[in-house]
Amino acid sequence: MFDQGFITNAINRSAENSSDRRNFLRAAGVAGFGVGAAMLATGGPALAAEASEAPAGAPSDAAILNFALNLEYLEAEFYLRATTGSGLPDNMTTGTGTRGGVTGGRMVNFKTGIIKKYADEIAADEKAHVAFLRSALGSAKVSRPKINLDASFTAAAQAAGLVKPGQKFDVYANEANFLFGAFIFEDVGVTAYKGAAPLISNKTFLEAAAGLLAVEAYHAGVIRSTLYALGIALPSVYTTAQAISDVRDAVDGPTDLDQGIGNASKANLVPTDANGLAFSRSAAQVLNITYLNAAPVRSGGFFPAGVNGVINTSGANG
């Protein structure tokens, strides 16, 4: 178990101010360690020593968590609208940076009870992720950026060849379309958290990020397994999932980081490398996918005005 000195130094090093440190202590459930204001005020020398161990030029832990918060806003809005018809309440969208609205999204007419239950659970998890990160970041949290859940899915579907130019892809039209939309997000979330892990210096924050990664991996497994089961009766599901995977791979760089769900003869429900490990993506690669652009840009796709925070530019993968 962590001792008081470790908790004090770790939170001091990564949070923005004393108010944020108290918020994180409450959010992470470590307030019971009895870290008082006097202890928080006496960590100066230790903090300087620890800060010198962080890689030069690396983003702060707060910057990394805020980048994650942007992604959690997107996922929460997507799932909540599909399951409830409404997105996040206003009091869960405020913060630093420009707060944007959400275009698109409505309740899906689920025909299969088990898929609706899956969607309900994932929506609740994503909303909880937003709440946790906002509480952990305190006054340093970014606001929800502008989100597009309409034209962005059409652009992604056109790039994958699922619809022809000029045609619309309505991700909320039915449960199959909804699952394909969820497939776009979930694998990206897993690789994003894994890629961020080596950059997080605060072990308490790292443990939290590991918990978020695990949940996103569970979600990805549910979506991939459900799509694979649908493909038993409709094999085109396999080729559609592969087309979506190919689009993600095309924009995030030359390395093969993405895999479909398999085919009628062989499942690929857990995408791994040759060592059986999940892939990693950098923040820039994640933004390549969410901006739907292989070039270095600061907006586009699902975030038409960009994300909030200092990590906001996609990579150059041409």
C-alpha atoms as a PDB file:
ATOM      1  CA  MET A   1       0.000   0.000   0.000  1.00  0.00           C
ATOM      2  CA  PHE A   2       1.217   3.543  -0.762  1.00  0.00           C
ATOM      3  CA  ASP A   3       2.598   5.501   2.177  1.00  0.00           C
ATOM      4  CA  GLN A   4       1.626   9.083   2.911  1.00  0.00           C
ATOM      5  CA  GLY A   5       4.852  10.556   1.584  1.00  0.00           C
ATOM      6  CA  PHE A   6       4.432   8.886  -1.797  1.00  0.00           C
ATOM      7  CA  ILE A   7       0.840  10.032  -2.157  1.00  0.00           C
ATOM      8  CA  THR A   8       1.775  13.581  -1.169  1.00  0.00           C
ATOM      9  CA  ASN A   9       4.653  13.859  -3.623  1.00  0.00           C
ATOM     10  CA  ALA A  10       2.865  12.131  -6.483  1.00  0.00           C
ATOM     11  CA  ILE A  11      -0.221  14.309  -6.321  1.00  0.00           C
ATOM     12  CA  ASN A  12       1.828  17.484  -5.814  1.00  0.00           C
ATOM     13  CA  ARG A  13       3.970  16.721  -8.852  1.00  0.00           C
ATOM     14  CA  SER A  14       1.123  16.096 -11.282  1.00  0.00           C
ATOM     15  CA  ALA A  15      -1.818  18.261 -10.256  1.00  0.00           C
ATOM     16  CA  GLU A  16      -2.132  21.902 -11.187  1.00  0.00           C
ATOM     17  CA  ASN A  17      -2.777  23.423  -7.770  1.00  0.00           C
ATOM     18  CA  SER A  18      -3.751  22.533  -4.215  1.00  0.00           C
ATOM     19  CA  SER A  19      -7.457  22.516  -5.067  1.00  0.00           C
ATOM     20  CA  ASP A  20      -6.839  20.053  -7.898  1.00  0.00           C
ATOM     21  CA  ARG A  21      -4.764  17.854  -5.611  1.00  0.00           C
ATOM     22  CA  ARG A  22      -7.624  17.629  -3.138  1.00  0.00           C
ATOM     23  CA  ASN A  23     -10.046  16.851  -5.985  1.00  0.00           C
ATOM     24  CA  PHE A  24      -7.848  14.023  -7.210  1.00  0.00           C
ATOM     25  CA  LEU A  25      -7.436  12.602  -3.718  1.00  0.00           C
ATOM     26  CA  ARG A  26     -11.207  12.433  -3.418  1.00  0.00           C
ATOM     27  CA  ALA A  27     -11.697  11.040  -6.946  1.00  0.00           C
ATOM     28  CA  ALA A  28      -9.006   8.390  -6.540  1.00  0.00           C
ATOM     29  CA  GLY A  29     -10.291   7.369  -3.116  1.00  0.00           C
ATOM     30  CA  VAL A  30      -7.093   8.124  -1.210  1.00  0.00           C
ATOM     31  CA  ALA A  31      -8.378  10.901   1.039  1.00  0.00           C
ATOM     32  CA  GLY A  32      -8.310   8.437   3.904  1.00  0.00           C
ATOM     33  CA  PHE A  33      -4.513   8.603   3.932  1.00  0.00           C
ATOM     34  CA  GLY A  34      -4.824  11.809   5.927  1.00  0.00           C
ATOM     35  CA  VAL A  35      -2.788  14.054   3.625  1.00  0.00           C
ATOM     36  CA  GLY A  36      -3.348  17.457   5.212  1.00  0.00           C
ATOM     37  CA  ALA A  37      -2.671  20.968   3.961  1.00  0.00           C
ATOM     38  CA  ALA A  38       0.531  21.211   5.989  1.00  0.00           C
ATOM     39  CA  MET A  39       1.927  18.069   4.368  1.00  0.00           C
ATOM     40  CA  LEU A  40       1.020  19.307   0.872  1.00  0.00           C
ATOM     41  CA  ALA A  41       2.882  22.529   1.555  1.00  0.00           C
ATOM     42  CA  THR A  42       6.123  20.832   2.576  1.00  0.00           C
ATOM     43  CA  GLY A  43       6.852  18.755  -0.511  1.00  0.00           C
ATOM     44  CA  GLY A  44       8.953  21.332  -2.420  1.00  0.00           C
ATOM     45  CA  PRO A  45      12.441  19.758  -2.450  1.00  0.00           C
ATOM     46  CA  ALA A  46      11.143  16.261  -3.147  1.00  0.00           C
ATOM     47  CA  LEU A  47       8.964  17.578  -5.971  1.00  0.00           C
ATOM     48  CA  ALA A  48      11.921  19.220  -7.686  1.00  0.00           C
ATOM     49  CA  ALA A  49      13.916  15.992  -7.521  1.00  0.00           C
ATOM     50  CA  GLU A  50      11.072  13.941  -8.947  1.00  0.00           C
ATOM     51  CA  ALA A  51      10.321  16.471 -11.690  1.00  0.00           C
ATOM     52  CA  SER A  52      13.923  16.197 -12.907  1.00  0.00           C
ATOM     53  CA  GLU A  53      13.311  12.493 -13.630  1.00  0.00           C
ATOM     54  CA  ALA A  54      10.529  13.232 -16.137  1.00  0.00           C
ATOM     55  CA  PRO A  55      11.583  13.074 -19.828  1.00  0.00           C
ATOM     56  CA  ALA A  56      12.524  16.491 -21.187  1.00  0.00           C
ATOM     57  CA  GLY A  57       9.742  17.993 -23.259  1.00  0.00           C
ATOM     58  CA  ALA A  58       7.225  15.315 -22.217  1.00  0.00           C
ATOM     59  CA  PRO A  59       3.645  16.506 -21.708  1.00  0.00           C
ATOM     60  CA  SER A  60       2.470  16.880 -18.131  1.00  0.00           C
ATOM     61  CA  ASP A  61       0.228  14.272 -16.604  1.00  0.00           C
ATOM     62  CA  ALA A  62      -2.584  16.839 -16.567  1.00  0.00           C
ATOM     63  CA  ALA A  63      -2.142  17.400 -20.316  1.00  0.00           C
ATOM     64  CA  ILE A  64      -2.330  13.662 -20.954  1.00  0.00           C
ATOM     65  CA  LEU A  65      -5.442  13.232 -18.818  1.00  0.00           C
ATOM     66  CA  ASN A  66      -7.087  16.203 -20.534  1.00  0.00           C
ATOM     67  CA  PHE A  67      -6.360  14.628 -23.907  1.00  0.00           C
ATOM     68  CA  ALA A  68      -8.064  11.480 -22.622  1.00  0.00           C
ATOM     69  CA  LEU A  69     -10.987  13.577 -21.391  1.00  0.00           C
ATOM     70  CA  ASN A  70     -11.591  14.862 -24.930  1.00  0.00           C
ATOM     71  CA  LEU A  71     -11.870  11.280 -26.144  1.00  0.00           C
ATOM     72  CA  GLU A  72     -14.154  10.324 -23.274  1.00  0.00           C
ATOM     73  CA  TYR A  73     -16.434  13.259 -24.100  1.00  0.00           C
ATOM     74  CA  LEU A  74     -16.732  11.900 -27.646  1.00  0.00           C
ATOM     75  CA  GLU A  75     -17.481   8.346 -26.560  1.00  0.00           C
ATOM     76  CA  ALA A  76     -19.929   9.413 -23.868  1.00  0.00           C
ATOM     77  CA  GLU A  77     -21.876  11.628 -26.265  1.00  0.00           C
ATOM     78  CA  PHE A  78     -21.996   8.859 -28.886  1.00  0.00           C
ATOM     79  CA  TYR A  79     -23.264   6.168 -26.524  1.00  0.00           C
ATOM     80  CA  LEU A  80     -25.577   8.303 -24.399  1.00  0.00           C
ATOM     81  CA  ARG A  81     -27.405   9.618 -27.434  1.00  0.00           C
ATOM     82  CA  ALA A  82     -27.777   6.095 -28.811  1.00  0.00           C
ATOM     83  CA  THR A  83     -29.222   4.719 -25.575  1.00  0.00           C
ATOM     84  CA  THR A  84     -31.083   7.654 -24.027  1.00  0.00           C
ATOM     85  CA  GLY A  85     -31.571  10.194 -26.801  1.00  0.00           C
ATOM     86  CA  SER A  86     -29.666  12.820 -24.804  1.00  0.00           C
ATOM     87  CA  GLY A  87     -26.010  13.574 -24.187  1.00  0.00           C
ATOM     88  CA  LEU A  88     -24.040  14.744 -21.179  1.00  0.00           C
ATOM     89  CA  PRO A  89     -25.696  17.280 -18.884  1.00  0.00           C
ATOM     90  CA  ASP A  90     -24.379  20.830 -19.190  1.00  0.00           C
ATOM     91  CA  ASN A  91     -22.652  20.691 -15.803  1.00  0.00           C
ATOM     92  CA  MET A  92     -20.421  17.900 -17.129  1.00  0.00           C
ATOM     93  CA  THR A  93     -19.184  19.838 -20.171  1.00  0.00           C
ATOM     94  CA  THR A  94     -17.611  22.990 -18.697  1.00  0.00           C
ATOM     95  CA  GLY A  95     -13.931  23.746 -18.240  1.00  0.00           C
ATOM     96  CA  THR A  96     -11.019  25.536 -19.853  1.00  0.00           C
ATOM     97  CA  GLY A  97     -10.970  26.081 -23.600  1.00  0.00           C
ATOM     98  CA  THR A  98     -13.936  26.663 -25.868  1.00  0.00           C
ATOM     99  CA  ARG A  99     -16.980  24.590 -25.039  1.00  0.00           C
ATOM    100  CA  GLY A 100     -18.698  23.278 -28.154  1.00  0.00           C
ATOM    101  CA  GLY A 101     -22.028  21.732 -28.957  1.00  0.00           C
ATOM    102  CA  VAL A 102     -22.784  18.307 -30.402  1.00  0.00           C
ATOM    103  CA  THR A 103     -24.155  17.803 -33.902  1.00  0.00           C
ATOM    104  CA  GLY A 104     -26.165  14.664 -34.576  1.00  0.00           C
ATOM    105  CA  GLY A 105     -27.141  11.752 -32.398  1.00  0.00           C
ATOM    106  CA  ARG A 106     -30.445  10.193 -31.456  1.00  0.00           C
ATOM    107  CA  MET A 107     -31.800   7.067 -29.781  1.00  0.00           C
ATOM    108  CA  VAL A 108     -31.215   3.845 -31.695  1.00  0.00           C
ATOM    109  CA  ASN A 109     -34.192   1.546 -32.220  1.00  0.00           C
ATOM    110  CA  PHE A 110     -32.489  -1.559 -30.874  1.00  0.00           C
ATOM    111  CA  LYS A 111     -34.129  -4.798 -32.014  1.00  0.00           C
ATOM    112  CA  THR A 112     -31.940  -7.144 -29.994  1.00  0.00           C
ATOM    113  CA  GLY A 113     -32.323  -6.938 -26.238  1.00  0.00           C
ATOM    114  CA  ILE A 114     -28.792  -8.101 -25.431  1.00  0.00           C
ATOM    115  CA  ILE A 115     -27.220  -5.472 -27.703  1.00  0.00           C
ATOM    116  CA  LYS A 116     -29.284  -2.771 -25.998  1.00  0.00           C
ATOM    117  CA  LYS A 117     -28.033  -3.988 -22.611  1.00  0.00           C
ATOM    118  CA  TYR A 118     -24.442  -3.876 -23.844  1.00  0.00           C
ATOM    119  CA  ALA A 119     -24.950  -0.338 -25.122  1.00  0.00           C
ATOM    120  CA  ASP A 120     -26.557   0.798 -21.857  1.00  0.00           C
ATOM    121  CA  GLU A 121     -23.648  -0.502 -19.799  1.00  0.00           C
ATOM    122  CA  ILE A 122     -21.001   1.047 -22.036  1.00  0.00           C
ATOM    123  CA  ALA A 123     -22.828   4.386 -22.033  1.00  0.00           C
ATOM    124  CA  ALA A 124     -22.871   4.404 -18.223  1.00  0.00           C
ATOM    125  CA  ASP A 125     -19.162   3.562 -18.116  1.00  0.00           C
ATOM    126  CA  GLU A 126     -18.228   6.362 -20.524  1.00  0.00           C
ATOM    127  CA  LYS A 127     -20.250   8.896 -18.547  1.00  0.00           C
ATOM    128  CA  ALA A 128     -18.490   7.730 -15.382  1.00  0.00           C
ATOM    129  CA  HIS A 129     -15.108   8.154 -17.099  1.00  0.00           C
ATOM    130  CA  VAL A 130     -15.948  11.768 -17.901  1.00  0.00           C
ATOM    131  CA  ALA A 131     -16.999  12.398 -14.322  1.00  0.00           C
ATOM    132  CA  PHE A 132     -13.853  10.775 -12.913  1.00  0.00           C
ATOM    133  CA  LEU A 133     -11.398  12.639 -15.142  1.00  0.00           C
ATOM    134  CA  ARG A 134     -13.151  15.968 -14.535  1.00  0.00           C
ATOM    135  CA  SER A 135     -13.008  15.408 -10.776  1.00  0.00           C
ATOM    136  CA  ALA A 136      -9.367  14.318 -10.913  1.00  0.00           C
ATOM    137  CA  LEU A 137      -8.306  17.341 -12.963  1.00  0.00           C
ATOM    138  CA  GLY A 138     -10.277  19.879 -10.931  1.00  0.00           C
ATOM    139  CA  SER A 139      -9.987  23.434 -12.278  1.00  0.00           C
ATOM    140  CA  ALA A 140      -7.465  22.218 -14.896  1.00  0.00           C
ATOM    141  CA  LYS A 141     -10.111  20.164 -16.750  1.00  0.00           C
ATOM    142  CA  VAL A 142     -10.918  21.094 -20.320  1.00  0.00           C
ATOM    143  CA  SER A 143     -14.434  21.669 -21.532  1.00  0.00           C
ATOM    144  CA  ARG A 144     -16.173  19.474 -24.062  1.00  0.00           C
ATOM    145  CA  PRO A 145     -15.005  20.465 -27.548  1.00  0.00           C
ATOM    146  CA  LYS A 146     -17.319  20.760 -30.515  1.00  0.00           C
ATOM    147  CA  ILE A 147     -18.328  17.244 -31.606  1.00  0.00           C
ATOM    148  CA  ASN A 148     -19.843  16.030 -34.865  1.00  0.00           C
ATOM    149  CA  LEU A 149     -21.710  12.713 -34.822  1.00  0.00           C
ATOM    150  CA  ASP A 150     -23.270  13.186 -38.247  1.00  0.00           C
ATOM    151  CA  ALA A 151     -21.059  14.190 -41.182  1.00  0.00           C
ATOM    152  CA  SER A 152     -18.025  12.590 -39.525  1.00  0.00           C
ATOM    153  CA  PHE A 153     -19.507   9.095 -39.663  1.00  0.00           C
ATOM    154  CA  THR A 154     -20.523   9.627 -43.277  1.00  0.00           C
ATOM    155  CA  ALA A 155     -16.980  10.711 -44.142  1.00  0.00           C
ATOM    156  CA  ALA A 156     -15.542   7.647 -42.390  1.00  0.00           C
ATOM    157  CA  ALA A 157     -18.027   5.339 -44.132  1.00  0.00           C
ATOM    158  CA  GLN A 158     -17.253   6.836 -47.515  1.00  0.00           C
ATOM    159  CA  ALA A 159     -13.525   6.403 -46.925  1.00  0.00           C
ATOM    160  CA  ALA A 160     -14.170   2.752 -46.042  1.00  0.00           C
ATOM    161  CA  GLY A 161     -16.295   2.257 -49.155  1.00  0.00           C
ATOM    162  CA  LEU A 162     -19.409   1.478 -47.125  1.00  0.00           C
ATOM    163  CA  VAL A 163     -21.391   4.188 -48.911  1.00  0.00           C
ATOM    164  CA  LYS A 164     -20.796   5.952 -52.214  1.00  0.00           C
ATOM    165  CA  PRO A 165     -19.878   9.645 -52.540  1.00  0.00           C
ATOM    166  CA  GLY A 166     -22.974  11.735 -51.975  1.00  0.00           C
ATOM    167  CA  GLN A 167     -24.645   9.064 -49.870  1.00  0.00           C
ATOM    168  CA  LYS A 168     -25.158   9.399 -46.110  1.00  0.00           C
ATOM    169  CA  PHE A 169     -24.242   6.878 -43.443  1.00  0.00           C
ATOM    170  CA  ASP A 170     -26.606   7.160 -40.473  1.00  0.00           C
ATOM    171  CA  VAL A 171     -24.855   5.523 -37.528  1.00  0.00           C
ATOM    172  CA  TYR A 172     -28.037   5.720 -35.456  1.00  0.00           C
ATOM    173  CA  ALA A 173     -30.355   4.179 -38.082  1.00  0.00           C
ATOM    174  CA  ASN A 174     -30.146   0.648 -36.669  1.00  0.00           C
ATOM    175  CA  GLU A 175     -28.172  -1.496 -34.260  1.00  0.00           C
ATOM    176  CA  ALA A 176     -25.778  -2.797 -36.939  1.00  0.00           C
ATOM    177  CA  ASN A 177     -24.768   0.734 -37.952  1.00  0.00           C
ATOM    178  CA  PHE A 178     -24.417   1.613 -34.276  1.00  0.00           C
ATOM    179  CA  LEU A 179     -22.039  -1.319 -33.737  1.00  0.00           C
ATOM    180  CA  PHE A 180     -19.894  -0.250 -36.695  1.00  0.00           C
ATOM    181  CA  GLY A 181     -19.731   3.253 -35.216  1.00  0.00           C
ATOM    182  CA  ALA A 182     -18.715   1.845 -31.843  1.00  0.00           C
ATOM    183  CA  PHE A 183     -16.064  -0.277 -33.580  1.00  0.00           C
ATOM    184  CA  ILE A 184     -14.473   2.909 -34.928  1.00  0.00           C
ATOM    185  CA  PHE A 185     -13.956   4.229 -31.393  1.00  0.00           C
ATOM    186  CA  GLU A 186     -13.265   1.360 -29.036  1.00  0.00           C
ATOM    187  CA  ASP A 187     -10.048  -0.061 -30.479  1.00  0.00           C
ATOM    188  CA  VAL A 188      -8.680   3.479 -30.749  1.00  0.00           C
ATOM    189  CA  GLY A 189      -9.344   4.080 -27.051  1.00  0.00           C
ATOM    190  CA  VAL A 190      -7.400   0.957 -26.072  1.00  0.00           C
ATOM    191  CA  THR A 191      -4.354   1.865 -28.160  1.00  0.00           C
ATOM    192  CA  ALA A 192      -4.499   5.489 -26.988  1.00  0.00           C
ATOM    193  CA  TYR A 193      -4.320   4.618 -23.279  1.00  0.00           C
ATOM    194  CA  LYS A 194      -1.565   2.065 -23.875  1.00  0.00           C
ATOM    195  CA  GLY A 195       0.434   4.606 -25.854  1.00  0.00           C
ATOM    196  CA  ALA A 196       0.048   7.212 -23.124  1.00  0.00           C
ATOM    197  CA  ALA A 197       1.101   4.915 -20.270  1.00  0.00           C
ATOM    198  CA  PRO A 198       4.889   5.388 -20.620  1.00  0.00           C
ATOM    199  CA  LEU A 199       4.438   9.175 -20.540  1.00  0.00           C
ATOM    200  CA  ILE A 200       2.600   9.288 -17.204  1.00  0.00           C
ATOM    201  CA  SER A 201       5.041   9.912 -14.365  1.00  0.00           C
ATOM    202  CA  ASN A 202       2.611   9.919 -11.438  1.00  0.00           C
ATOM    203  CA  LYS A 203       2.009   6.287 -10.427  1.00  0.00           C
ATOM    204  CA  THR A 204      -1.397   7.120  -8.977  1.00  0.00           C
ATOM    205  CA  PHE A 205      -2.467   8.646 -12.289  1.00  0.00           C
ATOM    206  CA  LEU A 206      -0.902   5.691 -14.093  1.00  0.00           C
ATOM    207  CA  GLU A 207      -2.991   3.249 -12.088  1.00  0.00           C
ATOM    208  CA  ALA A 208      -6.103   5.245 -12.957  1.00  0.00           C
ATOM    209  CA  ALA A 209      -5.159   5.220 -16.652  1.00  0.00           C
ATOM    210  CA  ALA A 210      -4.622   1.453 -16.451  1.00  0.00           C
ATOM    211  CA  GLY A 211      -8.122   1.099 -15.060  1.00  0.00           C
ATOM    212  CA  LEU A 212      -9.528   3.185 -17.913  1.00  0.00           C
ATOM    213  CA  LEU A 213      -7.572   1.139 -20.458  1.00  0.00           C
ATOM    214  CA  ALA A 214      -8.940  -2.112 -19.017  1.00  0.00           C
ATOM    215  CA  VAL A 215     -12.530  -0.913 -19.300  1.00  0.00           C
ATOM    216  CA  GLU A 216     -12.012   0.302 -22.877  1.00  0.00           C
ATOM    217  CA  ALA A 217     -10.534  -3.116 -23.703  1.00  0.00           C
ATOM    218  CA  TYR A 218     -13.600  -4.824 -22.224  1.00  0.00           C
ATOM    219  CA  HIS A 219     -15.789  -2.546 -24.344  1.00  0.00           C
ATOM    220  CA  ALA A 220     -13.770  -3.296 -27.482  1.00  0.00           C
ATOM    221  CA  GLY A 221     -14.078  -7.017 -26.798  1.00  0.00           C
ATOM    222  CA  VAL A 222     -17.850  -6.746 -26.457  1.00  0.00           C
ATOM    223  CA  ILE A 223     -18.202  -4.785 -29.703  1.00  0.00           C
ATOM    224  CA  ARG A 224     -15.854  -7.044 -31.680  1.00  0.00           C
ATOM    225  CA  SER A 225     -17.524 -10.222 -30.354  1.00  0.00           C
ATOM    226  CA  THR A 226     -21.005  -8.924 -31.098  1.00  0.00           C
ATOM    227  CA  LEU A 227     -20.052  -7.957 -34.641  1.00  0.00           C
ATOM    228  CA  TYR A 228     -18.420 -11.336 -35.194  1.00  0.00           C
ATOM    229  CA  ALA A 229     -21.576 -13.115 -34.052  1.00  0.00           C
ATOM    230  CA  LEU A 230     -23.645 -11.030 -36.464  1.00  0.00           C
ATOM    231  CA  GLY A 231     -21.289 -12.069 -39.244  1.00  0.00           C
ATOM    232  CA  ILE A 232     -22.248 -15.727 -38.823  1.00  0.00           C
ATOM    233  CA  ALA A 233     -25.569 -14.927 -40.490  1.00  0.00           C
ATOM    234  CA  LEU A 234     -24.314 -11.983 -42.540  1.00  0.00           C
ATOM    235  CA  PRO A 235     -20.685 -12.523 -43.655  1.00  0.00           C
ATOM    236  CA  SER A 236     -20.477  -9.007 -45.106  1.00  0.00           C
ATOM    237  CA  VAL A 237     -20.081  -7.831 -41.493  1.00  0.00           C
ATOM    238  CA  TYR A 238     -16.540  -9.222 -41.540  1.00  0.00           C
ATOM    239  CA  THR A 239     -15.570  -7.311 -44.674  1.00  0.00           C
ATOM    240  CA  THR A 240     -17.202  -4.138 -43.363  1.00  0.00           C
ATOM    241  CA  ALA A 241     -15.237  -4.326 -40.107  1.00  0.00           C
ATOM    242  CA  GLN A 242     -12.062  -4.933 -42.101  1.00  0.00           C
ATOM    243  CA  ALA A 243     -12.795  -1.881 -44.269  1.00  0.00           C
ATOM    244  CA  ILE A 244     -13.144   0.276 -41.146  1.00  0.00           C
ATOM    245  CA  SER A 245      -9.885  -1.150 -39.791  1.00  0.00           C
ATOM    246  CA  ASP A 246      -8.149  -0.375 -43.088  1.00  0.00           C
ATOM    247  CA  VAL A 247      -9.259   3.273 -42.922  1.00  0.00           C
ATOM    248  CA  ARG A 248      -7.852   3.657 -39.409  1.00  0.00           C
ATOM    249  CA  ASP A 249      -4.616   2.069 -40.563  1.00  0.00           C
ATOM    250  CA  ALA A 250      -4.422   4.320 -43.614  1.00  0.00           C
ATOM    251  CA  VAL A 251      -4.508   7.564 -41.644  1.00  0.00           C
ATOM    252  CA  ASP A 252      -2.431   6.694 -38.569  1.00  0.00           C
ATOM    253  CA  GLY A 253       0.868   6.000 -40.334  1.00  0.00           C
ATOM    254  CA  PRO A 254       2.748   3.319 -42.271  1.00  0.00           C
ATOM    255  CA  THR A 255       2.893   0.774 -39.438  1.00  0.00           C
ATOM    256  CA  ASP A 256       0.190  -1.903 -39.368  1.00  0.00           C
ATOM    257  CA  LEU A 257      -1.495  -1.133 -36.044  1.00  0.00           C
ATOM    258  CA  ASP A 258      -5.013  -2.272 -36.845  1.00  0.00           C
ATOM    259  CA  GLN A 259      -6.876  -5.500 -37.417  1.00  0.00           C
ATOM    260  CA  GLY A 260     -10.386  -6.493 -38.358  1.00  0.00           C
ATOM    261  CA  ILE A 261     -12.483  -9.046 -36.521  1.00  0.00           C
ATOM    262  CA  GLY A 262     -11.567 -12.010 -38.721  1.00  0.00           C
ATOM    263  CA  ASN A 263     -13.648 -13.938 -41.227  1.00  0.00           C
ATOM    264  CA  ALA A 264     -16.082 -16.832 -41.391  1.00  0.00           C
ATOM    265  CA  SER A 265     -13.336 -19.395 -40.816  1.00  0.00           C
ATOM    266  CA  LYS A 266     -11.220 -17.640 -38.181  1.00  0.00           C
ATOM    267  CA  ALA A 267     -12.033 -15.122 -35.470  1.00  0.00           C
ATOM    268  CA  ASN A 268      -9.756 -12.228 -34.522  1.00  0.00           C
ATOM    269  CA  LEU A 269     -11.510 -10.839 -31.480  1.00  0.00           C
ATOM    270  CA  VAL A 270      -8.331  -9.759 -29.669  1.00  0.00           C
ATOM    271  CA  PRO A 271      -6.042  -7.702 -31.941  1.00  0.00           C
ATOM    272  CA  THR A 272      -2.450  -8.175 -30.805  1.00  0.00           C
ATOM    273  CA  ASP A 273       1.115  -8.067 -32.076  1.00  0.00           C
ATOM    274  CA  ALA A 274       3.339 -11.144 -32.490  1.00  0.00           C
ATOM    275  CA  ASN A 275       3.932 -11.194 -28.726  1.00  0.00           C
ATOM    276  CA  GLY A 276       0.240 -11.252 -27.887  1.00  0.00           C
ATOM    277  CA  LEU A 277       0.355  -7.614 -26.735  1.00  0.00           C
ATOM    278  CA  ALA A 278      -2.076  -4.811 -27.548  1.00  0.00           C
ATOM    279  CA  PHE A 279      -0.820  -2.144 -29.918  1.00  0.00           C
ATOM    280  CA  SER A 280       0.010   1.426 -28.889  1.00  0.00           C
ATOM    281  CA  ARG A 281      -0.848   4.677 -30.633  1.00  0.00           C
ATOM    282  CA  SER A 282       0.590   8.111 -29.972  1.00  0.00           C
ATOM    283  CA  ALA A 283      -1.739  11.026 -29.323  1.00  0.00           C
ATOM    284  CA  ALA A 284      -0.931  12.333 -32.816  1.00  0.00           C
ATOM    285  CA  GLN A 285      -1.978   9.008 -34.354  1.00  0.00           C
ATOM    286  CA  VAL A 286      -5.211   8.983 -32.348  1.00  0.00           C
ATOM    287  CA  LEU A 287      -5.970  12.452 -33.651  1.00  0.00           C
ATOM    288  CA  ASN A 288      -5.242  11.299 -37.207  1.00  0.00           C
ATOM    289  CA  ILE A 289      -8.161   8.915 -36.781  1.00  0.00           C
ATOM    290  CA  THR A 290     -10.561  11.210 -34.930  1.00  0.00           C
ATOM    291  CA  TYR A 291      -9.760  14.099 -37.296  1.00  0.00           C
ATOM    292  CA  LEU A 292     -10.058  11.657 -40.255  1.00  0.00           C
ATOM    293  CA  ASN A 293      -6.878  13.062 -41.755  1.00  0.00           C
ATOM    294  CA  ALA A 294      -3.395  11.616 -42.289  1.00  0.00           C
ATOM    295  CA  ALA A 295      -1.840  15.092 -42.345  1.00  0.00           C
ATOM    296  CA  PRO A 296      -0.730  17.205 -39.350  1.00  0.00           C
ATOM    297  CA  VAL A 297      -3.900  19.207 -38.607  1.00  0.00           C
ATOM    298  CA  ARG A 298      -5.622  20.606 -35.531  1.00  0.00           C
ATOM    299  CA  SER A 299      -9.254  19.925 -36.357  1.00  0.00           C
ATOM    300  CA  GLY A 300     -11.597  17.859 -38.472  1.00  0.00           C
ATOM    301  CA  GLY A 301     -13.757  14.773 -38.458  1.00  0.00           C
ATOM    302  CA  PHE A 302     -15.361  14.104 -35.102  1.00  0.00           C
ATOM    303  CA  PHE A 303     -13.773  17.264 -33.644  1.00  0.00           C
ATOM    304  CA  PRO A 304     -14.529  19.968 -36.266  1.00  0.00           C
ATOM    305  CA  ALA A 305     -12.960  22.713 -34.122  1.00  0.00           C
ATOM    306  CA  GLY A 306     -10.235  20.508 -32.654  1.00  0.00           C
ATOM    307  CA  VAL A 307      -9.795  19.179 -29.130  1.00  0.00           C
ATOM    308  CA  ASN A 308      -9.175  21.306 -26.066  1.00  0.00           C
ATOM    309  CA  GLY A 309      -5.815  21.280 -24.324  1.00  0.00           C
ATOM    310  CA  VAL A 310      -2.170  21.471 -25.348  1.00  0.00           C
ATOM    311  CA  ILE A 311      -2.172  18.032 -27.056  1.00  0.00           C
ATOM    312  CA  ASN A 312      -4.186  18.890 -30.140  1.00  0.00           C
ATOM    313  CA  THR A 313      -2.287  18.171 -33.379  1.00  0.00           C
ATOM    314  CA  SER A 314      -2.365  15.036 -35.487  1.00  0.00           C
ATOM    315  CA  GLY A 315       0.761  13.500 -36.994  1.00  0.00           C
ATOM    316  CA  ALA A 316       2.270  13.683 -40.468  1.00  0.00           C
ATOM    317  CA  ASN A 317       1.716  10.265 -41.985  1.00  0.00           C
ATOM    318  CA  GLY A 318       1.738  10.973 -45.692  1.00  0.00           C
END
